[in-house]
Amino acid sequence: MQEFVAENLEYYGETQGVLPERLDAFGEQYREQGYLTREQLYDVAYESSTRSAYHVESNPEARCREVTANVLTVDGDFSKIQLITGLSGFKAPTASCVLAALDPERHAVVDTRVWASLDRLDYLDGRKESFDAADYVTMIEPIRAIAADTDYTAAEVGYALFAYDDKVREGTLH
């Protein structure tokens, strides 16, 4: 798997995936402040899904700060992702960007491509087009297993899985 991740991480730059450098910057702000503002959340959402990012603006500023501060205090992947998906504009894939920014060692950006790659590699069974908090937990477990078997973070494994699907998929995404 080491070679698989390395090869696909190299290819990731040719995809239209979230820019790791941008997520790293958001994560640094998040850790320094202890929360994210509505504007910062909008920027994260825009990186992930330009079409639906405008929904973030309907969240009250205080709620954005409260929810993202609370994410830092709860244990459990399900609870963390569920909290973020309580904000407008954050379904599980976009919420995963917040977690990956906060802690790239343990979290990854997930979406249809990542699920499909995990399916192709026999970590999951079947395809999915939409995700909830439980699906995030289902995906993050094999991602962490791959990370533990390689010299890569969970976030890097997620990027590699995204790139792999981009490279091998025939036809359209949906």
N, C-alpha and C. Protein backbone atom coordinates (compact mmCIF):
# COMPACT_ATOMS: atom_id res chain seq x y z
N MET A 1 0.83 -1.21 0.00
CA MET A 1 0.00 0.00 0.00
C MET A 1 0.87 1.27 0.00
N GLN A 2 2.07 1.16 0.50
CA GLN A 2 2.97 2.31 0.52
C GLN A 2 3.13 2.89 -0.89
N GLU A 3 3.39 2.01 -1.85
CA GLU A 3 3.60 2.44 -3.23
C GLU A 3 2.30 2.98 -3.84
N PHE A 4 1.18 2.34 -3.52
CA PHE A 4 -0.13 2.80 -3.99
C PHE A 4 -0.38 4.24 -3.55
N VAL A 5 -0.17 4.51 -2.26
CA VAL A 5 -0.42 5.85 -1.74
C VAL A 5 0.54 6.85 -2.38
N ALA A 6 1.81 6.50 -2.45
CA ALA A 6 2.80 7.41 -3.03
C ALA A 6 2.46 7.76 -4.47
N GLU A 7 2.14 6.75 -5.26
CA GLU A 7 1.83 6.95 -6.68
C GLU A 7 0.61 7.83 -6.86
N ASN A 8 -0.42 7.57 -6.08
CA ASN A 8 -1.66 8.33 -6.24
C ASN A 8 -1.59 9.72 -5.61
N LEU A 9 -0.79 9.88 -4.58
CA LEU A 9 -0.57 11.22 -4.04
C LEU A 9 0.13 12.09 -5.07
N GLU A 10 1.06 11.51 -5.79
CA GLU A 10 1.74 12.25 -6.84
C GLU A 10 0.75 12.70 -7.92
N TYR A 11 -0.22 11.85 -8.23
CA TYR A 11 -1.22 12.17 -9.25
C TYR A 11 -2.26 13.18 -8.73
N TYR A 12 -2.44 13.28 -7.42
CA TYR A 12 -3.50 14.12 -6.84
C TYR A 12 -3.48 15.55 -7.36
N GLY A 13 -2.31 16.10 -7.60
CA GLY A 13 -2.20 17.47 -8.10
C GLY A 13 -2.86 17.68 -9.45
N GLU A 14 -3.10 16.61 -10.18
CA GLU A 14 -3.75 16.70 -11.49
C GLU A 14 -5.28 16.61 -11.39
N THR A 15 -5.78 16.40 -10.19
CA THR A 15 -7.23 16.29 -9.99
C THR A 15 -7.80 17.65 -9.60
N GLN A 16 -9.10 17.69 -9.44
CA GLN A 16 -9.76 18.91 -8.98
C GLN A 16 -10.14 18.79 -7.50
N GLY A 17 -9.36 18.01 -6.76
CA GLY A 17 -9.63 17.81 -5.35
C GLY A 17 -9.25 19.03 -4.51
N VAL A 18 -9.67 19.00 -3.26
CA VAL A 18 -9.38 20.05 -2.29
C VAL A 18 -7.87 20.22 -2.19
N LEU A 19 -7.42 21.46 -2.10
CA LEU A 19 -5.98 21.72 -2.01
C LEU A 19 -5.49 21.48 -0.58
N PRO A 20 -4.60 20.50 -0.40
CA PRO A 20 -4.10 20.20 0.95
C PRO A 20 -3.51 21.41 1.66
N GLU A 21 -2.82 22.29 0.91
CA GLU A 21 -2.21 23.46 1.53
C GLU A 21 -3.27 24.37 2.14
N ARG A 22 -4.40 24.49 1.46
CA ARG A 22 -5.48 25.33 1.97
C ARG A 22 -6.05 24.73 3.25
N LEU A 23 -6.26 23.41 3.25
CA LEU A 23 -6.79 22.78 4.45
C LEU A 23 -5.80 22.91 5.60
N ASP A 24 -4.51 22.78 5.31
CA ASP A 24 -3.51 22.94 6.36
C ASP A 24 -3.61 24.34 6.99
N ALA A 25 -3.81 25.35 6.16
CA ALA A 25 -3.94 26.73 6.67
C ALA A 25 -5.19 26.87 7.54
N PHE A 26 -6.30 26.29 7.11
CA PHE A 26 -7.53 26.34 7.92
C PHE A 26 -7.31 25.63 9.25
N GLY A 27 -6.63 24.49 9.20
CA GLY A 27 -6.37 23.73 10.42
C GLY A 27 -5.52 24.51 11.41
N GLU A 28 -4.53 25.23 10.89
CA GLU A 28 -3.68 26.04 11.75
C GLU A 28 -4.51 27.13 12.44
N GLN A 29 -5.38 27.80 11.67
CA GLN A 29 -6.26 28.82 12.26
C GLN A 29 -7.16 28.20 13.31
N TYR A 30 -7.73 27.04 12.99
CA TYR A 30 -8.66 26.36 13.89
C TYR A 30 -7.97 26.04 15.22
N ARG A 31 -6.80 25.45 15.15
CA ARG A 31 -6.08 25.08 16.37
C ARG A 31 -5.67 26.32 17.17
N GLU A 32 -5.26 27.38 16.52
CA GLU A 32 -4.86 28.62 17.21
C GLU A 32 -6.03 29.29 17.90
N GLN A 33 -7.16 29.42 17.20
CA GLN A 33 -8.33 30.13 17.72
C GLN A 33 -9.16 29.28 18.67
N GLY A 34 -9.20 27.96 18.40
CA GLY A 34 -10.08 27.07 19.16
C GLY A 34 -11.49 27.01 18.61
N TYR A 35 -11.70 27.58 17.44
CA TYR A 35 -12.99 27.58 16.74
C TYR A 35 -12.75 28.08 15.32
N LEU A 36 -13.80 28.00 14.49
CA LEU A 36 -13.76 28.63 13.18
C LEU A 36 -14.92 29.61 13.07
N THR A 37 -14.69 30.72 12.40
CA THR A 37 -15.74 31.70 12.17
C THR A 37 -16.60 31.26 10.99
N ARG A 38 -17.72 31.93 10.80
CA ARG A 38 -18.57 31.64 9.64
C ARG A 38 -17.79 31.88 8.34
N GLU A 39 -17.03 32.95 8.28
CA GLU A 39 -16.25 33.24 7.08
C GLU A 39 -15.22 32.14 6.81
N GLN A 40 -14.57 31.67 7.86
CA GLN A 40 -13.59 30.59 7.69
C GLN A 40 -14.29 29.29 7.26
N LEU A 41 -15.44 29.02 7.84
CA LEU A 41 -16.21 27.83 7.44
C LEU A 41 -16.66 27.95 5.99
N TYR A 42 -17.06 29.14 5.59
CA TYR A 42 -17.44 29.36 4.19
C TYR A 42 -16.25 29.03 3.28
N ASP A 43 -15.07 29.49 3.65
CA ASP A 43 -13.88 29.23 2.84
C ASP A 43 -13.58 27.73 2.74
N VAL A 44 -13.73 27.02 3.85
CA VAL A 44 -13.54 25.56 3.83
C VAL A 44 -14.57 24.92 2.91
N ALA A 45 -15.83 25.32 3.07
CA ALA A 45 -16.91 24.75 2.25
C ALA A 45 -16.69 25.07 0.78
N TYR A 46 -16.21 26.26 0.48
CA TYR A 46 -15.97 26.65 -0.91
C TYR A 46 -14.89 25.79 -1.54
N GLU A 47 -13.88 25.44 -0.77
CA GLU A 47 -12.82 24.54 -1.25
C GLU A 47 -13.42 23.19 -1.65
N SER A 48 -14.39 22.74 -0.88
CA SER A 48 -14.96 21.41 -1.08
C SER A 48 -16.07 21.40 -2.14
N SER A 49 -16.95 22.37 -2.07
CA SER A 49 -18.12 22.37 -2.93
C SER A 49 -18.55 23.80 -3.22
N THR A 50 -18.04 24.36 -4.30
CA THR A 50 -18.34 25.75 -4.62
C THR A 50 -19.83 25.99 -4.80
N ARG A 51 -20.55 24.99 -5.31
CA ARG A 51 -21.98 25.16 -5.56
C ARG A 51 -22.80 25.36 -4.30
N SER A 52 -22.44 24.69 -3.22
CA SER A 52 -23.29 24.75 -2.03
C SER A 52 -22.70 25.58 -0.89
N ALA A 53 -21.54 26.17 -1.09
CA ALA A 53 -20.89 26.93 -0.02
C ALA A 53 -21.76 28.08 0.49
N TYR A 54 -22.56 28.67 -0.38
CA TYR A 54 -23.37 29.82 0.04
C TYR A 54 -24.31 29.49 1.20
N HIS A 55 -24.67 28.22 1.36
CA HIS A 55 -25.54 27.82 2.48
C HIS A 55 -24.91 28.14 3.84
N VAL A 56 -23.60 28.14 3.89
CA VAL A 56 -22.90 28.40 5.15
C VAL A 56 -23.25 29.78 5.69
N GLU A 57 -23.48 30.72 4.80
CA GLU A 57 -23.77 32.10 5.21
C GLU A 57 -25.06 32.22 6.01
N SER A 58 -25.94 31.22 5.95
CA SER A 58 -27.18 31.28 6.72
C SER A 58 -27.00 30.89 8.19
N ASN A 59 -25.82 30.40 8.54
CA ASN A 59 -25.55 30.05 9.94
C ASN A 59 -25.22 31.31 10.74
N PRO A 60 -25.81 31.45 11.93
CA PRO A 60 -25.41 32.58 12.79
C PRO A 60 -23.93 32.43 13.18
N GLU A 61 -23.23 33.55 13.23
CA GLU A 61 -21.80 33.55 13.58
C GLU A 61 -21.54 32.82 14.90
N ALA A 62 -22.34 33.12 15.90
CA ALA A 62 -22.13 32.51 17.22
C ALA A 62 -22.27 30.99 17.15
N ARG A 63 -23.20 30.50 16.33
CA ARG A 63 -23.39 29.05 16.19
C ARG A 63 -22.16 28.41 15.54
N CYS A 64 -21.59 29.06 14.55
CA CYS A 64 -20.39 28.53 13.89
C CYS A 64 -19.26 28.37 14.89
N ARG A 65 -19.06 29.39 15.69
CA ARG A 65 -17.99 29.34 16.71
C ARG A 65 -18.29 28.28 17.76
N GLU A 66 -19.55 28.21 18.20
CA GLU A 66 -19.94 27.25 19.23
C GLU A 66 -19.73 25.82 18.75
N VAL A 67 -20.25 25.52 17.57
CA VAL A 67 -20.17 24.15 17.06
C VAL A 67 -18.71 23.74 16.84
N THR A 68 -17.93 24.61 16.21
CA THR A 68 -16.55 24.22 15.93
C THR A 68 -15.71 24.16 17.22
N ALA A 69 -16.03 24.97 18.21
CA ALA A 69 -15.35 24.85 19.51
C ALA A 69 -15.73 23.53 20.18
N ASN A 70 -17.01 23.16 20.08
CA ASN A 70 -17.47 21.91 20.70
C ASN A 70 -16.83 20.68 20.06
N VAL A 71 -16.55 20.74 18.76
CA VAL A 71 -15.90 19.62 18.07
C VAL A 71 -14.59 19.28 18.77
N LEU A 72 -13.91 20.29 19.27
CA LEU A 72 -12.63 20.07 19.95
C LEU A 72 -12.78 19.36 21.29
N THR A 73 -13.97 19.39 21.86
CA THR A 73 -14.16 18.85 23.22
C THR A 73 -14.79 17.47 23.24
N VAL A 74 -15.34 17.02 22.12
CA VAL A 74 -16.01 15.71 22.13
C VAL A 74 -15.09 14.62 21.60
N ASP A 75 -15.32 13.43 22.10
CA ASP A 75 -14.61 12.25 21.60
C ASP A 75 -15.51 11.56 20.60
N GLY A 76 -14.91 10.79 19.73
CA GLY A 76 -15.68 9.98 18.81
C GLY A 76 -15.88 10.64 17.47
N ASP A 77 -15.54 9.90 16.45
CA ASP A 77 -15.66 10.40 15.08
C ASP A 77 -17.10 10.72 14.71
N PHE A 78 -18.03 9.85 15.11
CA PHE A 78 -19.43 10.07 14.78
C PHE A 78 -19.91 11.39 15.38
N SER A 79 -19.59 11.62 16.64
CA SER A 79 -20.03 12.84 17.32
C SER A 79 -19.44 14.08 16.68
N LYS A 80 -18.17 14.03 16.33
CA LYS A 80 -17.51 15.19 15.71
C LYS A 80 -18.16 15.53 14.37
N ILE A 81 -18.32 14.54 13.52
CA ILE A 81 -18.87 14.80 12.18
C ILE A 81 -20.34 15.20 12.28
N GLN A 82 -21.06 14.59 13.23
CA GLN A 82 -22.47 14.92 13.42
C GLN A 82 -22.65 16.37 13.86
N LEU A 83 -21.78 16.83 14.73
CA LEU A 83 -21.84 18.24 15.15
C LEU A 83 -21.69 19.17 13.96
N ILE A 84 -20.69 18.93 13.13
CA ILE A 84 -20.44 19.83 12.00
C ILE A 84 -21.57 19.78 10.99
N THR A 85 -22.14 18.59 10.77
CA THR A 85 -23.24 18.49 9.79
C THR A 85 -24.51 19.16 10.30
N GLY A 86 -24.52 19.58 11.55
CA GLY A 86 -25.63 20.36 12.07
C GLY A 86 -25.64 21.79 11.54
N LEU A 87 -24.54 22.21 10.94
CA LEU A 87 -24.47 23.54 10.34
C LEU A 87 -24.95 23.49 8.89
N SER A 88 -25.67 24.51 8.46
CA SER A 88 -26.10 24.59 7.07
C SER A 88 -24.88 24.62 6.16
N GLY A 89 -24.96 23.86 5.06
CA GLY A 89 -23.87 23.82 4.10
C GLY A 89 -22.85 22.73 4.35
N PHE A 90 -23.08 21.92 5.39
CA PHE A 90 -22.12 20.87 5.74
C PHE A 90 -22.76 19.50 5.79
N LYS A 91 -22.69 18.80 4.67
CA LYS A 91 -22.99 17.37 4.68
C LYS A 91 -21.68 16.67 5.02
N ALA A 92 -21.71 15.38 5.20
CA ALA A 92 -20.52 14.65 5.67
C ALA A 92 -19.26 14.92 4.84
N PRO A 93 -19.30 14.92 3.49
CA PRO A 93 -18.06 15.18 2.76
C PRO A 93 -17.44 16.55 3.06
N THR A 94 -18.27 17.59 3.11
CA THR A 94 -17.74 18.92 3.41
C THR A 94 -17.30 19.00 4.87
N ALA A 95 -18.05 18.38 5.75
CA ALA A 95 -17.67 18.35 7.17
C ALA A 95 -16.34 17.62 7.36
N SER A 96 -16.09 16.61 6.53
CA SER A 96 -14.82 15.88 6.65
C SER A 96 -13.64 16.79 6.36
N CYS A 97 -13.83 17.83 5.56
CA CYS A 97 -12.76 18.80 5.29
C CYS A 97 -12.37 19.53 6.57
N VAL A 98 -13.35 19.85 7.39
CA VAL A 98 -13.08 20.53 8.66
C VAL A 98 -12.26 19.62 9.57
N LEU A 99 -12.66 18.35 9.66
CA LEU A 99 -11.93 17.41 10.52
C LEU A 99 -10.53 17.14 9.99
N ALA A 100 -10.39 16.99 8.67
CA ALA A 100 -9.07 16.75 8.08
C ALA A 100 -8.16 17.95 8.29
N ALA A 101 -8.73 19.15 8.22
CA ALA A 101 -7.93 20.36 8.48
C ALA A 101 -7.47 20.39 9.93
N LEU A 102 -8.36 20.05 10.83
CA LEU A 102 -8.06 20.08 12.26
C LEU A 102 -7.02 19.03 12.64
N ASP A 103 -7.17 17.81 12.13
CA ASP A 103 -6.31 16.71 12.56
C ASP A 103 -6.03 15.75 11.39
N PRO A 104 -5.10 16.12 10.51
CA PRO A 104 -4.82 15.29 9.33
C PRO A 104 -4.22 13.93 9.66
N GLU A 105 -3.70 13.76 10.85
CA GLU A 105 -3.18 12.45 11.25
C GLU A 105 -4.31 11.43 11.38
N ARG A 106 -5.48 11.89 11.84
CA ARG A 106 -6.59 10.98 12.15
C ARG A 106 -7.79 11.10 11.21
N HIS A 107 -7.85 12.19 10.44
CA HIS A 107 -9.04 12.40 9.61
C HIS A 107 -8.67 12.63 8.15
N ALA A 108 -9.64 12.39 7.27
CA ALA A 108 -9.43 12.53 5.83
C ALA A 108 -10.66 13.16 5.20
N VAL A 109 -10.43 13.79 4.06
CA VAL A 109 -11.54 14.30 3.26
C VAL A 109 -12.12 13.09 2.52
N VAL A 110 -13.42 12.90 2.65
CA VAL A 110 -14.07 11.75 2.02
C VAL A 110 -15.19 12.21 1.10
N ASP A 111 -15.43 11.43 0.08
CA ASP A 111 -16.53 11.69 -0.84
C ASP A 111 -16.79 10.44 -1.67
N THR A 112 -17.56 10.59 -2.73
CA THR A 112 -17.92 9.47 -3.60
C THR A 112 -16.68 8.77 -4.15
N ARG A 113 -15.68 9.54 -4.55
CA ARG A 113 -14.46 8.96 -5.11
C ARG A 113 -13.71 8.11 -4.08
N VAL A 114 -13.63 8.59 -2.86
CA VAL A 114 -12.93 7.85 -1.81
C VAL A 114 -13.67 6.56 -1.51
N TRP A 115 -14.99 6.64 -1.40
CA TRP A 115 -15.78 5.43 -1.16
C TRP A 115 -15.56 4.43 -2.30
N ALA A 116 -15.62 4.90 -3.53
CA ALA A 116 -15.45 4.02 -4.69
C ALA A 116 -14.08 3.34 -4.68
N SER A 117 -13.04 4.08 -4.31
CA SER A 117 -11.71 3.48 -4.24
C SER A 117 -11.63 2.43 -3.14
N LEU A 118 -12.21 2.72 -1.99
CA LEU A 118 -12.23 1.73 -0.91
C LEU A 118 -13.01 0.49 -1.34
N ASP A 119 -14.06 0.68 -2.12
CA ASP A 119 -14.81 -0.45 -2.67
C ASP A 119 -13.94 -1.25 -3.64
N ARG A 120 -13.26 -0.56 -4.56
CA ARG A 120 -12.38 -1.24 -5.52
C ARG A 120 -11.28 -2.04 -4.84
N LEU A 121 -10.81 -1.53 -3.70
CA LEU A 121 -9.72 -2.18 -2.97
C LEU A 121 -10.24 -3.20 -1.94
N ASP A 122 -11.54 -3.47 -1.98
CA ASP A 122 -12.20 -4.46 -1.12
C ASP A 122 -12.21 -4.12 0.38
N TYR A 123 -12.16 -2.84 0.70
CA TYR A 123 -12.34 -2.42 2.09
C TYR A 123 -13.81 -2.19 2.40
N LEU A 124 -14.60 -1.84 1.39
CA LEU A 124 -16.04 -1.61 1.52
C LEU A 124 -16.74 -2.41 0.43
N ASP A 125 -18.05 -2.52 0.56
CA ASP A 125 -18.81 -3.29 -0.42
C ASP A 125 -19.94 -2.43 -0.97
N GLY A 126 -19.89 -2.15 -2.27
CA GLY A 126 -20.94 -1.39 -2.92
C GLY A 126 -20.60 0.08 -3.05
N ARG A 127 -21.32 0.74 -3.94
CA ARG A 127 -21.09 2.16 -4.20
C ARG A 127 -22.11 3.01 -3.46
N LYS A 128 -21.74 4.26 -3.19
CA LYS A 128 -22.63 5.22 -2.54
C LYS A 128 -22.46 6.58 -3.20
N GLU A 129 -23.51 7.36 -3.20
CA GLU A 129 -23.43 8.71 -3.77
C GLU A 129 -23.70 9.80 -2.75
N SER A 130 -24.23 9.43 -1.59
CA SER A 130 -24.42 10.43 -0.54
C SER A 130 -24.00 9.79 0.79
N PHE A 131 -23.58 10.65 1.72
CA PHE A 131 -22.99 10.15 2.94
C PHE A 131 -23.52 10.87 4.17
N ASP A 132 -23.55 10.16 5.28
CA ASP A 132 -23.90 10.76 6.56
C ASP A 132 -22.78 10.48 7.55
N ALA A 133 -22.99 10.83 8.80
CA ALA A 133 -21.95 10.67 9.80
C ALA A 133 -21.52 9.21 9.96
N ALA A 134 -22.48 8.29 9.93
CA ALA A 134 -22.14 6.87 10.06
C ALA A 134 -21.27 6.40 8.89
N ASP A 135 -21.55 6.91 7.69
CA ASP A 135 -20.74 6.54 6.53
C ASP A 135 -19.31 7.07 6.68
N TYR A 136 -19.17 8.25 7.27
CA TYR A 136 -17.83 8.78 7.51
C TYR A 136 -17.05 7.81 8.40
N VAL A 137 -17.68 7.35 9.46
CA VAL A 137 -17.03 6.42 10.38
C VAL A 137 -16.66 5.13 9.64
N THR A 138 -17.56 4.66 8.77
CA THR A 138 -17.27 3.46 7.98
C THR A 138 -16.04 3.66 7.10
N MET A 139 -15.90 4.83 6.49
CA MET A 139 -14.76 5.10 5.60
C MET A 139 -13.47 5.37 6.36
N ILE A 140 -13.55 6.05 7.49
CA ILE A 140 -12.32 6.47 8.16
C ILE A 140 -11.58 5.28 8.76
N GLU A 141 -12.29 4.22 9.11
CA GLU A 141 -11.62 3.05 9.70
C GLU A 141 -10.61 2.42 8.75
N PRO A 142 -10.98 2.06 7.50
CA PRO A 142 -9.96 1.51 6.59
C PRO A 142 -8.92 2.54 6.18
N ILE A 143 -9.30 3.81 6.12
CA ILE A 143 -8.32 4.85 5.80
C ILE A 143 -7.24 4.88 6.88
N ARG A 144 -7.64 4.80 8.13
CA ARG A 144 -6.67 4.79 9.23
C ARG A 144 -5.84 3.50 9.20
N ALA A 145 -6.45 2.40 8.83
CA ALA A 145 -5.69 1.15 8.74
C ALA A 145 -4.60 1.26 7.67
N ILE A 146 -4.94 1.85 6.53
CA ILE A 146 -3.95 2.05 5.47
C ILE A 146 -2.87 3.00 5.96
N ALA A 147 -3.25 4.06 6.63
CA ALA A 147 -2.27 5.02 7.16
C ALA A 147 -1.33 4.33 8.15
N ALA A 148 -1.88 3.46 9.00
CA ALA A 148 -1.06 2.76 9.99
C ALA A 148 -0.05 1.81 9.33
N ASP A 149 -0.40 1.28 8.16
CA ASP A 149 0.48 0.36 7.43
C ASP A 149 1.47 1.07 6.52
N THR A 150 1.38 2.39 6.43
CA THR A 150 2.24 3.17 5.54
C THR A 150 2.86 4.31 6.34
N ASP A 151 3.62 5.12 5.67
CA ASP A 151 4.23 6.29 6.31
C ASP A 151 3.40 7.55 6.05
N TYR A 152 2.11 7.40 5.83
CA TYR A 152 1.25 8.53 5.46
C TYR A 152 0.20 8.81 6.53
N THR A 153 -0.29 10.05 6.53
CA THR A 153 -1.38 10.43 7.43
C THR A 153 -2.71 9.94 6.84
N ALA A 154 -3.74 9.97 7.66
CA ALA A 154 -5.07 9.63 7.17
C ALA A 154 -5.47 10.59 6.05
N ALA A 155 -5.16 11.88 6.19
CA ALA A 155 -5.51 12.85 5.15
C ALA A 155 -4.82 12.51 3.84
N GLU A 156 -3.54 12.16 3.89
CA GLU A 156 -2.82 11.80 2.67
C GLU A 156 -3.40 10.55 2.02
N VAL A 157 -3.77 9.58 2.82
CA VAL A 157 -4.40 8.37 2.28
C VAL A 157 -5.71 8.75 1.59
N GLY A 158 -6.49 9.63 2.20
CA GLY A 158 -7.74 10.09 1.58
C GLY A 158 -7.50 10.75 0.24
N TYR A 159 -6.48 11.60 0.17
CA TYR A 159 -6.15 12.25 -1.11
C TYR A 159 -5.74 11.21 -2.15
N ALA A 160 -4.98 10.22 -1.74
CA ALA A 160 -4.53 9.18 -2.67
C ALA A 160 -5.72 8.37 -3.18
N LEU A 161 -6.67 8.06 -2.30
CA LEU A 161 -7.86 7.31 -2.71
C LEU A 161 -8.70 8.12 -3.70
N PHE A 162 -8.83 9.40 -3.44
CA PHE A 162 -9.54 10.30 -4.36
C PHE A 162 -8.86 10.27 -5.73
N ALA A 163 -7.54 10.42 -5.74
CA ALA A 163 -6.79 10.46 -7.00
C ALA A 163 -6.90 9.14 -7.75
N TYR A 164 -6.86 8.04 -7.02
CA TYR A 164 -6.97 6.72 -7.65
C TYR A 164 -8.29 6.60 -8.41
N ASP A 165 -9.38 7.01 -7.79
CA ASP A 165 -10.67 6.94 -8.49
C ASP A 165 -10.68 7.87 -9.70
N ASP A 166 -10.12 9.05 -9.55
CA ASP A 166 -10.06 10.00 -10.66
C ASP A 166 -9.31 9.37 -11.85
N LYS A 167 -8.28 8.63 -11.53
CA LYS A 167 -7.42 8.03 -12.56
C LYS A 167 -8.11 6.84 -13.26
N VAL A 168 -8.81 6.00 -12.50
CA VAL A 168 -9.31 4.75 -13.08
C VAL A 168 -10.79 4.76 -13.45
N ARG A 169 -11.56 5.72 -12.97
CA ARG A 169 -13.00 5.72 -13.25
C ARG A 169 -13.27 5.91 -14.73
N GLU A 170 -14.17 5.11 -15.24
CA GLU A 170 -14.64 5.28 -16.61
C GLU A 170 -16.04 5.87 -16.56
N GLY A 171 -16.29 6.84 -17.38
CA GLY A 171 -17.60 7.48 -17.40
C GLY A 171 -17.67 8.60 -16.38
N THR A 172 -18.90 9.04 -16.11
CA THR A 172 -19.11 10.17 -15.22
C THR A 172 -19.12 9.74 -13.76
N LEU A 173 -19.00 10.71 -12.88
CA LEU A 173 -18.96 10.43 -11.45
C LEU A 173 -20.30 9.94 -10.92
N HIS A 174 -21.39 10.54 -11.37
CA HIS A 174 -22.73 10.13 -10.88
C HIS A 174 -23.59 9.69 -12.04
